[in-house]
Amino acid sequence: MKPVVPMSILNQITVLIITFNEEPNIGRTLEAVKWASQILVVDSGSTDATISIAKQYPQVVILQRPFDTFAKQCNYGLSEIKTDWVLSLDADYQLSADLVAELERLVPSNEIAGYRASFVYSIFGRPLRATLYPARTVLYRRNGANYCDEGHGHRVAILGAVQNLQSKIRHDDRKPIARWFASQQKYAAGEAEYLLSASREKLGRNDSIRLLAWPAPIFVFGYTLLVKGCLFDGWAGWYYVLQRTLAEIMIALAIIDRRLRGATEKQ
């Protein structure tokens, strides 16, 4: 009797991507997952060429839903997926051939509910030697998965163990800098609300530093430039360092603004 060869997990995956005006990124992201038989794009009302680019891939299904929060967009997408596994990607993520090969070799036991990936951060195609971008659970079983909002971001809660993938995902956002400024303003407001309302006991070290407001931008500038070594990545490194520092400054300003306004209202 011939041994039973397990079916590749690639055949059991739906790729889930949330989009809004991702014309500079979505083509590269979809090209890296065109092996997938099912790709679900939940679009938040794009007005650029995002939809027309996505339609060039026959396995892509496009659903449109007005944006309220990232978690609700993702949960809506999950409700439309029928496969056992979900590969959740941002529209500026690119999978390498090594990572796809690693996914193809996976034979998860029943106890494994997901897989976590770390990232290579790129600036206009130039990979940096390090990043502050955290690892994410990107591949997980659909059953039992649920997203929740956390500050300006979101995360997926799953039932079971999560293992680490060895290969990394490239993060390469090429949208205009004006779009980054607009997004960061919204993110800073959401992060400030989260930090000020969260229980102090539940905040980690990084969030506790952020809540102090002034130390975080100084710490991030020195840490990304010197400790992470972005100083040696040329202009791409400086671009990243200044972006991360400015993002922390905007969060700090949003926190101080709320504190000062609250103090004024009590007078």
C-alpha atoms as a PDB file:
ATOM      1  CA  MET A   1       0.000   0.000   0.000  1.00  0.00           C
ATOM      2  CA  LYS A   2       1.326   3.408  -0.953  1.00  0.00           C
ATOM      3  CA  PRO A   3       1.749   5.913   1.879  1.00  0.00           C
ATOM      4  CA  VAL A   4      -0.867   8.649   2.062  1.00  0.00           C
ATOM      5  CA  VAL A   5       0.613  11.938   0.927  1.00  0.00           C
ATOM      6  CA  PRO A   6      -1.057  14.841   2.783  1.00  0.00           C
ATOM      7  CA  MET A   7      -2.675  17.460   0.557  1.00  0.00           C
ATOM      8  CA  SER A   8      -0.678  20.659   0.378  1.00  0.00           C
ATOM      9  CA  ILE A   9      -1.991  23.358   2.701  1.00  0.00           C
ATOM     10  CA  LEU A  10      -1.753  25.751  -0.252  1.00  0.00           C
ATOM     11  CA  ASN A  11      -4.910  24.146  -1.647  1.00  0.00           C
ATOM     12  CA  GLN A  12      -6.764  24.891   1.594  1.00  0.00           C
ATOM     13  CA  ILE A  13      -5.895  28.611   1.821  1.00  0.00           C
ATOM     14  CA  THR A  14      -7.886  31.706   0.951  1.00  0.00           C
ATOM     15  CA  VAL A  15      -5.797  34.873   0.839  1.00  0.00           C
ATOM     16  CA  LEU A  16      -7.535  37.804   2.568  1.00  0.00           C
ATOM     17  CA  ILE A  17      -6.500  41.383   1.720  1.00  0.00           C
ATOM     18  CA  ILE A  18      -8.070  44.637   2.952  1.00  0.00           C
ATOM     19  CA  THR A  19      -7.643  47.526   0.506  1.00  0.00           C
ATOM     20  CA  PHE A  20      -8.218  51.231   0.115  1.00  0.00           C
ATOM     21  CA  ASN A  21      -6.440  53.093  -2.698  1.00  0.00           C
ATOM     22  CA  GLU A  22      -3.545  50.648  -2.903  1.00  0.00           C
ATOM     23  CA  GLU A  23      -2.688  51.206  -6.573  1.00  0.00           C
ATOM     24  CA  PRO A  24       1.073  51.529  -5.877  1.00  0.00           C
ATOM     25  CA  ASN A  25       1.152  48.199  -3.980  1.00  0.00           C
ATOM     26  CA  ILE A  26      -1.627  45.768  -4.835  1.00  0.00           C
ATOM     27  CA  GLY A  27      -0.164  44.445  -8.092  1.00  0.00           C
ATOM     28  CA  ARG A  28       3.064  43.309  -6.436  1.00  0.00           C
ATOM     29  CA  THR A  29       1.147  41.741  -3.552  1.00  0.00           C
ATOM     30  CA  LEU A  30      -1.234  39.796  -5.814  1.00  0.00           C
ATOM     31  CA  GLU A  31       1.562  38.668  -8.116  1.00  0.00           C
ATOM     32  CA  ALA A  32       3.275  36.994  -5.144  1.00  0.00           C
ATOM     33  CA  VAL A  33       0.125  35.009  -4.231  1.00  0.00           C
ATOM     34  CA  LYS A  34      -1.164  34.116  -7.692  1.00  0.00           C
ATOM     35  CA  TRP A  35      -0.567  30.466  -6.760  1.00  0.00           C
ATOM     36  CA  ALA A  36      -3.654  30.714  -4.520  1.00  0.00           C
ATOM     37  CA  SER A  37      -6.883  29.346  -5.941  1.00  0.00           C
ATOM     38  CA  GLN A  38      -8.909  31.865  -3.908  1.00  0.00           C
ATOM     39  CA  ILE A  39      -8.073  35.486  -3.084  1.00  0.00           C
ATOM     40  CA  LEU A  40     -10.639  37.656  -1.306  1.00  0.00           C
ATOM     41  CA  VAL A  41     -10.160  41.425  -1.518  1.00  0.00           C
ATOM     42  CA  VAL A  42     -12.338  43.457   0.862  1.00  0.00           C
ATOM     43  CA  ASP A  43     -12.191  46.967  -0.530  1.00  0.00           C
ATOM     44  CA  SER A  44     -13.164  50.048   1.472  1.00  0.00           C
ATOM     45  CA  GLY A  45     -14.194  52.203  -1.487  1.00  0.00           C
ATOM     46  CA  SER A  46     -11.041  52.717  -3.512  1.00  0.00           C
ATOM     47  CA  THR A  47     -11.131  55.556  -6.037  1.00  0.00           C
ATOM     48  CA  ASP A  48      -7.841  54.754  -7.796  1.00  0.00           C
ATOM     49  CA  ALA A  49      -6.878  51.738  -9.952  1.00  0.00           C
ATOM     50  CA  THR A  50      -6.875  49.225  -7.073  1.00  0.00           C
ATOM     51  CA  ILE A  51      -9.992  47.400  -8.271  1.00  0.00           C
ATOM     52  CA  SER A  52      -9.006  47.320 -11.949  1.00  0.00           C
ATOM     53  CA  ILE A  53      -5.593  45.866 -11.059  1.00  0.00           C
ATOM     54  CA  ALA A  54      -7.144  43.229  -8.788  1.00  0.00           C
ATOM     55  CA  LYS A  55      -9.580  42.190 -11.530  1.00  0.00           C
ATOM     56  CA  GLN A  56      -6.645  41.140 -13.702  1.00  0.00           C
ATOM     57  CA  TYR A  57      -6.257  38.054 -11.488  1.00  0.00           C
ATOM     58  CA  PRO A  58      -9.012  35.493 -12.213  1.00  0.00           C
ATOM     59  CA  GLN A  59      -8.962  33.954  -8.724  1.00  0.00           C
ATOM     60  CA  VAL A  60      -9.663  37.313  -7.043  1.00  0.00           C
ATOM     61  CA  VAL A  61     -13.125  37.963  -5.592  1.00  0.00           C
ATOM     62  CA  ILE A  62     -13.774  41.619  -4.731  1.00  0.00           C
ATOM     63  CA  LEU A  63     -16.242  42.630  -2.039  1.00  0.00           C
ATOM     64  CA  GLN A  64     -16.803  46.268  -1.118  1.00  0.00           C
ATOM     65  CA  ARG A  65     -17.769  47.461   2.340  1.00  0.00           C
ATOM     66  CA  PRO A  66     -17.622  50.988   3.815  1.00  0.00           C
ATOM     67  CA  PHE A  67     -14.735  51.189   6.265  1.00  0.00           C
ATOM     68  CA  ASP A  68     -15.463  51.503   9.980  1.00  0.00           C
ATOM     69  CA  THR A  69     -12.612  49.622  11.678  1.00  0.00           C
ATOM     70  CA  PHE A  70      -9.912  47.224  10.526  1.00  0.00           C
ATOM     71  CA  ALA A  71     -11.230  44.464  12.768  1.00  0.00           C
ATOM     72  CA  LYS A  72     -14.748  44.719  11.355  1.00  0.00           C
ATOM     73  CA  GLN A  73     -13.426  44.700   7.792  1.00  0.00           C
ATOM     74  CA  CYS A  74     -11.381  41.575   8.520  1.00  0.00           C
ATOM     75  CA  ASN A  75     -14.221  39.813  10.338  1.00  0.00           C
ATOM     76  CA  TYR A  76     -16.505  40.561   7.406  1.00  0.00           C
ATOM     77  CA  GLY A  77     -13.940  38.960   5.123  1.00  0.00           C
ATOM     78  CA  LEU A  78     -13.695  35.896   7.379  1.00  0.00           C
ATOM     79  CA  SER A  79     -17.466  35.471   7.225  1.00  0.00           C
ATOM     80  CA  GLU A  80     -17.200  35.077   3.438  1.00  0.00           C
ATOM     81  CA  ILE A  81     -14.374  32.505   3.462  1.00  0.00           C
ATOM     82  CA  LYS A  82     -15.101  28.785   3.228  1.00  0.00           C
ATOM     83  CA  THR A  83     -11.614  27.234   3.191  1.00  0.00           C
ATOM     84  CA  ASP A  84     -10.026  25.791   6.333  1.00  0.00           C
ATOM     85  CA  TRP A  85      -7.100  28.221   6.324  1.00  0.00           C
ATOM     86  CA  VAL A  86      -6.736  31.977   5.839  1.00  0.00           C
ATOM     87  CA  LEU A  87      -3.614  33.867   4.802  1.00  0.00           C
ATOM     88  CA  SER A  88      -4.205  37.450   5.954  1.00  0.00           C
ATOM     89  CA  LEU A  89      -2.045  40.035   4.193  1.00  0.00           C
ATOM     90  CA  ASP A  90      -1.863  43.803   4.101  1.00  0.00           C
ATOM     91  CA  ALA A  91      -1.911  45.232   0.587  1.00  0.00           C
ATOM     92  CA  ASP A  92       1.781  46.164   0.876  1.00  0.00           C
ATOM     93  CA  TYR A  93       3.056  42.685   1.838  1.00  0.00           C
ATOM     94  CA  GLN A  94       4.979  40.519  -0.632  1.00  0.00           C
ATOM     95  CA  LEU A  95       5.614  36.817  -0.103  1.00  0.00           C
ATOM     96  CA  SER A  96       8.972  35.458  -1.227  1.00  0.00           C
ATOM     97  CA  ALA A  97       9.378  32.196  -3.132  1.00  0.00           C
ATOM     98  CA  ASP A  98      11.071  30.770  -0.020  1.00  0.00           C
ATOM     99  CA  LEU A  99       8.036  31.546   2.116  1.00  0.00           C
ATOM    100  CA  VAL A 100       5.631  30.015  -0.390  1.00  0.00           C
ATOM    101  CA  ALA A 101       7.792  26.877  -0.461  1.00  0.00           C
ATOM    102  CA  GLU A 102       7.740  26.798   3.342  1.00  0.00           C
ATOM    103  CA  LEU A 103       3.948  27.054   3.361  1.00  0.00           C
ATOM    104  CA  GLU A 104       3.732  24.202   0.881  1.00  0.00           C
ATOM    105  CA  ARG A 105       5.749  21.962   3.209  1.00  0.00           C
ATOM    106  CA  LEU A 106       3.563  22.631   6.255  1.00  0.00           C
ATOM    107  CA  VAL A 107       1.743  19.647   7.740  1.00  0.00           C
ATOM    108  CA  PRO A 108       0.035  21.182  10.800  1.00  0.00           C
ATOM    109  CA  SER A 109      -1.225  18.955  13.586  1.00  0.00           C
ATOM    110  CA  ASN A 110      -4.686  19.490  15.024  1.00  0.00           C
ATOM    111  CA  GLU A 111      -3.153  21.477  17.892  1.00  0.00           C
ATOM    112  CA  ILE A 112      -1.641  24.077  15.545  1.00  0.00           C
ATOM    113  CA  ALA A 113      -4.071  26.922  14.879  1.00  0.00           C
ATOM    114  CA  GLY A 114      -1.791  29.411  13.163  1.00  0.00           C
ATOM    115  CA  TYR A 115       1.615  30.559  12.022  1.00  0.00           C
ATOM    116  CA  ARG A 116       3.404  33.806  12.773  1.00  0.00           C
ATOM    117  CA  ALA A 117       5.703  35.630  10.336  1.00  0.00           C
ATOM    118  CA  SER A 118       8.269  38.344  10.852  1.00  0.00           C
ATOM    119  CA  PHE A 119       9.107  41.016   8.285  1.00  0.00           C
ATOM    120  CA  VAL A 120      11.805  42.556   6.154  1.00  0.00           C
ATOM    121  CA  TYR A 121      10.937  46.248   5.966  1.00  0.00           C
ATOM    122  CA  SER A 122      11.663  47.847   2.609  1.00  0.00           C
ATOM    123  CA  ILE A 123      11.677  51.459   1.498  1.00  0.00           C
ATOM    124  CA  PHE A 124      10.819  51.695  -2.204  1.00  0.00           C
ATOM    125  CA  GLY A 125      12.227  48.231  -2.801  1.00  0.00           C
ATOM    126  CA  ARG A 126      15.349  48.697  -0.659  1.00  0.00           C
ATOM    127  CA  PRO A 127      15.372  46.223   2.259  1.00  0.00           C
ATOM    128  CA  LEU A 128      16.484  47.540   5.644  1.00  0.00           C
ATOM    129  CA  ARG A 129      18.681  45.521   7.976  1.00  0.00           C
ATOM    130  CA  ALA A 130      16.141  45.834  10.815  1.00  0.00           C
ATOM    131  CA  THR A 131      12.677  47.117  11.665  1.00  0.00           C
ATOM    132  CA  LEU A 132      10.375  47.898  14.580  1.00  0.00           C
ATOM    133  CA  TYR A 133       7.519  46.216  12.720  1.00  0.00           C
ATOM    134  CA  PRO A 134       6.282  43.342  14.916  1.00  0.00           C
ATOM    135  CA  ALA A 135       5.724  39.750  13.862  1.00  0.00           C
ATOM    136  CA  ARG A 136       2.114  38.903  12.958  1.00  0.00           C
ATOM    137  CA  THR A 137      -0.052  35.810  12.892  1.00  0.00           C
ATOM    138  CA  VAL A 138      -0.733  35.757   9.164  1.00  0.00           C
ATOM    139  CA  LEU A 139      -1.805  32.142   8.514  1.00  0.00           C
ATOM    140  CA  TYR A 140      -4.502  30.605  10.695  1.00  0.00           C
ATOM    141  CA  ARG A 141      -7.486  28.284  10.766  1.00  0.00           C
ATOM    142  CA  ARG A 142     -10.692  30.085   9.874  1.00  0.00           C
ATOM    143  CA  ASN A 143     -12.810  28.373  12.518  1.00  0.00           C
ATOM    144  CA  GLY A 144     -12.503  30.200  15.818  1.00  0.00           C
ATOM    145  CA  ALA A 145     -10.619  33.173  14.380  1.00  0.00           C
ATOM    146  CA  ASN A 146     -11.826  36.650  15.305  1.00  0.00           C
ATOM    147  CA  TYR A 147     -10.292  40.115  14.924  1.00  0.00           C
ATOM    148  CA  CYS A 148     -10.365  42.850  17.535  1.00  0.00           C
ATOM    149  CA  ASP A 149      -9.261  46.479  17.318  1.00  0.00           C
ATOM    150  CA  GLU A 150      -6.353  47.560  19.498  1.00  0.00           C
ATOM    151  CA  GLY A 151      -5.302  51.181  19.342  1.00  0.00           C
ATOM    152  CA  HIS A 152      -4.856  52.150  15.706  1.00  0.00           C
ATOM    153  CA  GLY A 153      -4.221  48.536  14.772  1.00  0.00           C
ATOM    154  CA  HIS A 154      -5.931  45.183  14.958  1.00  0.00           C
ATOM    155  CA  ARG A 155      -5.027  41.609  15.790  1.00  0.00           C
ATOM    156  CA  VAL A 156      -6.526  38.199  15.276  1.00  0.00           C
ATOM    157  CA  ALA A 157      -7.420  35.911  18.190  1.00  0.00           C
ATOM    158  CA  ILE A 158      -7.337  32.208  17.366  1.00  0.00           C
ATOM    159  CA  LEU A 159      -7.974  29.004  19.290  1.00  0.00           C
ATOM    160  CA  GLY A 160      -4.803  26.953  19.573  1.00  0.00           C
ATOM    161  CA  ALA A 161      -1.031  27.095  19.334  1.00  0.00           C
ATOM    162  CA  VAL A 162       0.838  29.454  17.026  1.00  0.00           C
ATOM    163  CA  GLN A 163       4.196  28.540  15.498  1.00  0.00           C
ATOM    164  CA  ASN A 164       6.815  30.728  13.826  1.00  0.00           C
ATOM    165  CA  LEU A 165       7.574  30.649  10.118  1.00  0.00           C
ATOM    166  CA  GLN A 166      11.262  30.770   9.231  1.00  0.00           C
ATOM    167  CA  SER A 167      10.938  32.809   6.028  1.00  0.00           C
ATOM    168  CA  LYS A 168       9.994  36.469   6.211  1.00  0.00           C
ATOM    169  CA  ILE A 169       7.436  38.671   4.470  1.00  0.00           C
ATOM    170  CA  ARG A 170       8.587  41.833   2.752  1.00  0.00           C
ATOM    171  CA  HIS A 171       6.738  44.991   3.824  1.00  0.00           C
ATOM    172  CA  ASP A 172       7.077  47.567   1.043  1.00  0.00           C
ATOM    173  CA  ASP A 173       4.566  50.438   1.078  1.00  0.00           C
ATOM    174  CA  ARG A 174       5.047  52.784  -1.876  1.00  0.00           C
ATOM    175  CA  LYS A 175       2.071  55.081  -1.402  1.00  0.00           C
ATOM    176  CA  PRO A 176       2.810  58.851  -1.491  1.00  0.00           C
ATOM    177  CA  ILE A 177       4.205  60.475   1.652  1.00  0.00           C
ATOM    178  CA  ALA A 178       1.110  62.723   1.862  1.00  0.00           C
ATOM    179  CA  ARG A 179      -1.000  59.587   2.314  1.00  0.00           C
ATOM    180  CA  TRP A 180       1.341  58.470   5.103  1.00  0.00           C
ATOM    181  CA  PHE A 181       0.889  61.792   6.939  1.00  0.00           C
ATOM    182  CA  ALA A 182      -2.898  61.565   6.699  1.00  0.00           C
ATOM    183  CA  SER A 183      -2.907  57.970   7.924  1.00  0.00           C
ATOM    184  CA  GLN A 184      -0.556  58.706  10.818  1.00  0.00           C
ATOM    185  CA  GLN A 185      -2.795  61.509  12.047  1.00  0.00           C
ATOM    186  CA  LYS A 186      -5.671  59.038  12.350  1.00  0.00           C
ATOM    187  CA  TYR A 187      -3.436  56.354  13.843  1.00  0.00           C
ATOM    188  CA  ALA A 188      -2.055  58.764  16.441  1.00  0.00           C
ATOM    189  CA  ALA A 189      -5.568  59.696  17.578  1.00  0.00           C
ATOM    190  CA  GLY A 190      -6.561  56.038  17.897  1.00  0.00           C
ATOM    191  CA  GLU A 191      -3.377  55.103  19.722  1.00  0.00           C
ATOM    192  CA  ALA A 192      -3.736  57.993  22.175  1.00  0.00           C
ATOM    193  CA  GLU A 193      -7.327  56.994  22.977  1.00  0.00           C
ATOM    194  CA  TYR A 194      -6.265  53.398  23.513  1.00  0.00           C
ATOM    195  CA  LEU A 195      -3.299  54.232  25.751  1.00  0.00           C
ATOM    196  CA  LEU A 196      -5.194  56.710  27.913  1.00  0.00           C
ATOM    197  CA  SER A 197      -8.166  54.399  28.415  1.00  0.00           C
ATOM    198  CA  ALA A 198      -6.293  51.102  28.880  1.00  0.00           C
ATOM    199  CA  SER A 199      -5.591  49.625  32.285  1.00  0.00           C
ATOM    200  CA  ARG A 200      -2.031  50.504  33.287  1.00  0.00           C
ATOM    201  CA  GLU A 201      -1.457  46.941  34.478  1.00  0.00           C
ATOM    202  CA  LYS A 202      -2.192  45.567  31.012  1.00  0.00           C
ATOM    203  CA  LEU A 203       0.171  47.872  29.135  1.00  0.00           C
ATOM    204  CA  GLY A 204       3.495  46.430  28.063  1.00  0.00           C
ATOM    205  CA  ARG A 205       6.819  48.207  28.450  1.00  0.00           C
ATOM    206  CA  ASN A 206       6.678  49.963  25.063  1.00  0.00           C
ATOM    207  CA  ASP A 207       3.137  51.225  25.583  1.00  0.00           C
ATOM    208  CA  SER A 208       4.005  52.399  29.099  1.00  0.00           C
ATOM    209  CA  ILE A 209       6.842  54.477  27.633  1.00  0.00           C
ATOM    210  CA  ARG A 210       4.489  55.851  24.989  1.00  0.00           C
ATOM    211  CA  LEU A 211       2.005  56.872  27.660  1.00  0.00           C
ATOM    212  CA  LEU A 212       4.683  59.117  29.210  1.00  0.00           C
ATOM    213  CA  ALA A 213       4.611  60.953  25.853  1.00  0.00           C
ATOM    214  CA  TRP A 214       7.958  62.751  25.684  1.00  0.00           C
ATOM    215  CA  PRO A 215      10.458  59.837  26.039  1.00  0.00           C
ATOM    216  CA  ALA A 216       9.098  57.714  23.173  1.00  0.00           C
ATOM    217  CA  PRO A 217      10.201  59.882  20.196  1.00  0.00           C
ATOM    218  CA  ILE A 218      13.695  60.300  21.660  1.00  0.00           C
ATOM    219  CA  PHE A 219      14.008  56.584  22.363  1.00  0.00           C
ATOM    220  CA  VAL A 220      12.736  55.517  18.931  1.00  0.00           C
ATOM    221  CA  PHE A 221      15.084  57.884  17.082  1.00  0.00           C
ATOM    222  CA  GLY A 222      18.180  56.559  18.852  1.00  0.00           C
ATOM    223  CA  TYR A 223      17.043  52.931  18.838  1.00  0.00           C
ATOM    224  CA  THR A 224      16.208  52.707  15.128  1.00  0.00           C
ATOM    225  CA  LEU A 225      19.200  54.761  14.012  1.00  0.00           C
ATOM    226  CA  LEU A 226      21.921  53.210  16.179  1.00  0.00           C
ATOM    227  CA  VAL A 227      20.792  49.983  17.848  1.00  0.00           C
ATOM    228  CA  LYS A 228      18.868  48.685  14.828  1.00  0.00           C
ATOM    229  CA  GLY A 229      21.593  49.977  12.508  1.00  0.00           C
ATOM    230  CA  CYS A 230      19.431  51.961  10.088  1.00  0.00           C
ATOM    231  CA  LEU A 231      22.242  54.523  10.039  1.00  0.00           C
ATOM    232  CA  PHE A 232      24.036  52.129   7.688  1.00  0.00           C
ATOM    233  CA  ASP A 233      21.093  51.780   5.273  1.00  0.00           C
ATOM    234  CA  GLY A 234      21.672  55.121   3.595  1.00  0.00           C
ATOM    235  CA  TRP A 235      18.785  57.394   2.671  1.00  0.00           C
ATOM    236  CA  ALA A 236      16.319  54.499   2.978  1.00  0.00           C
ATOM    237  CA  GLY A 237      17.429  54.053   6.590  1.00  0.00           C
ATOM    238  CA  TRP A 238      17.052  57.751   7.364  1.00  0.00           C
ATOM    239  CA  TYR A 239      13.624  57.758   5.705  1.00  0.00           C
ATOM    240  CA  TYR A 240      12.495  54.953   8.017  1.00  0.00           C
ATOM    241  CA  VAL A 241      14.048  56.482  11.152  1.00  0.00           C
ATOM    242  CA  LEU A 242      12.404  59.846  10.533  1.00  0.00           C
ATOM    243  CA  GLN A 243       9.057  58.205   9.746  1.00  0.00           C
ATOM    244  CA  ARG A 244       9.064  56.192  12.969  1.00  0.00           C
ATOM    245  CA  THR A 245      10.225  59.193  15.024  1.00  0.00           C
ATOM    246  CA  LEU A 246       7.559  61.458  13.548  1.00  0.00           C
ATOM    247  CA  ALA A 247       4.887  58.802  14.160  1.00  0.00           C
ATOM    248  CA  GLU A 248       5.863  58.730  17.846  1.00  0.00           C
ATOM    249  CA  ILE A 249       5.879  62.531  18.017  1.00  0.00           C
ATOM    250  CA  MET A 250       2.319  62.594  16.647  1.00  0.00           C
ATOM    251  CA  ILE A 251       1.186  60.030  19.236  1.00  0.00           C
ATOM    252  CA  ALA A 252       2.901  62.009  22.013  1.00  0.00           C
ATOM    253  CA  LEU A 253       1.211  65.230  20.857  1.00  0.00           C
ATOM    254  CA  ALA A 254      -2.172  63.505  20.739  1.00  0.00           C
ATOM    255  CA  ILE A 255      -1.704  62.223  24.318  1.00  0.00           C
ATOM    256  CA  ILE A 256      -0.587  65.619  25.646  1.00  0.00           C
ATOM    257  CA  ASP A 257      -3.395  67.370  23.767  1.00  0.00           C
ATOM    258  CA  ARG A 258      -6.007  65.157  25.425  1.00  0.00           C
ATOM    259  CA  ARG A 259      -4.481  65.634  28.842  1.00  0.00           C
ATOM    260  CA  LEU A 260      -4.363  69.422  28.506  1.00  0.00           C
ATOM    261  CA  ARG A 261      -7.909  69.603  27.127  1.00  0.00           C
ATOM    262  CA  GLY A 262      -9.147  67.402  29.959  1.00  0.00           C
ATOM    263  CA  ALA A 263      -7.442  69.581  32.546  1.00  0.00           C
ATOM    264  CA  THR A 264      -8.937  72.725  30.972  1.00  0.00           C
ATOM    265  CA  GLU A 265     -12.450  71.294  30.967  1.00  0.00           C
ATOM    266  CA  LYS A 266     -12.199  70.560  34.703  1.00  0.00           C
ATOM    267  CA  GLN A 267     -11.355  74.184  35.539  1.00  0.00           C
END
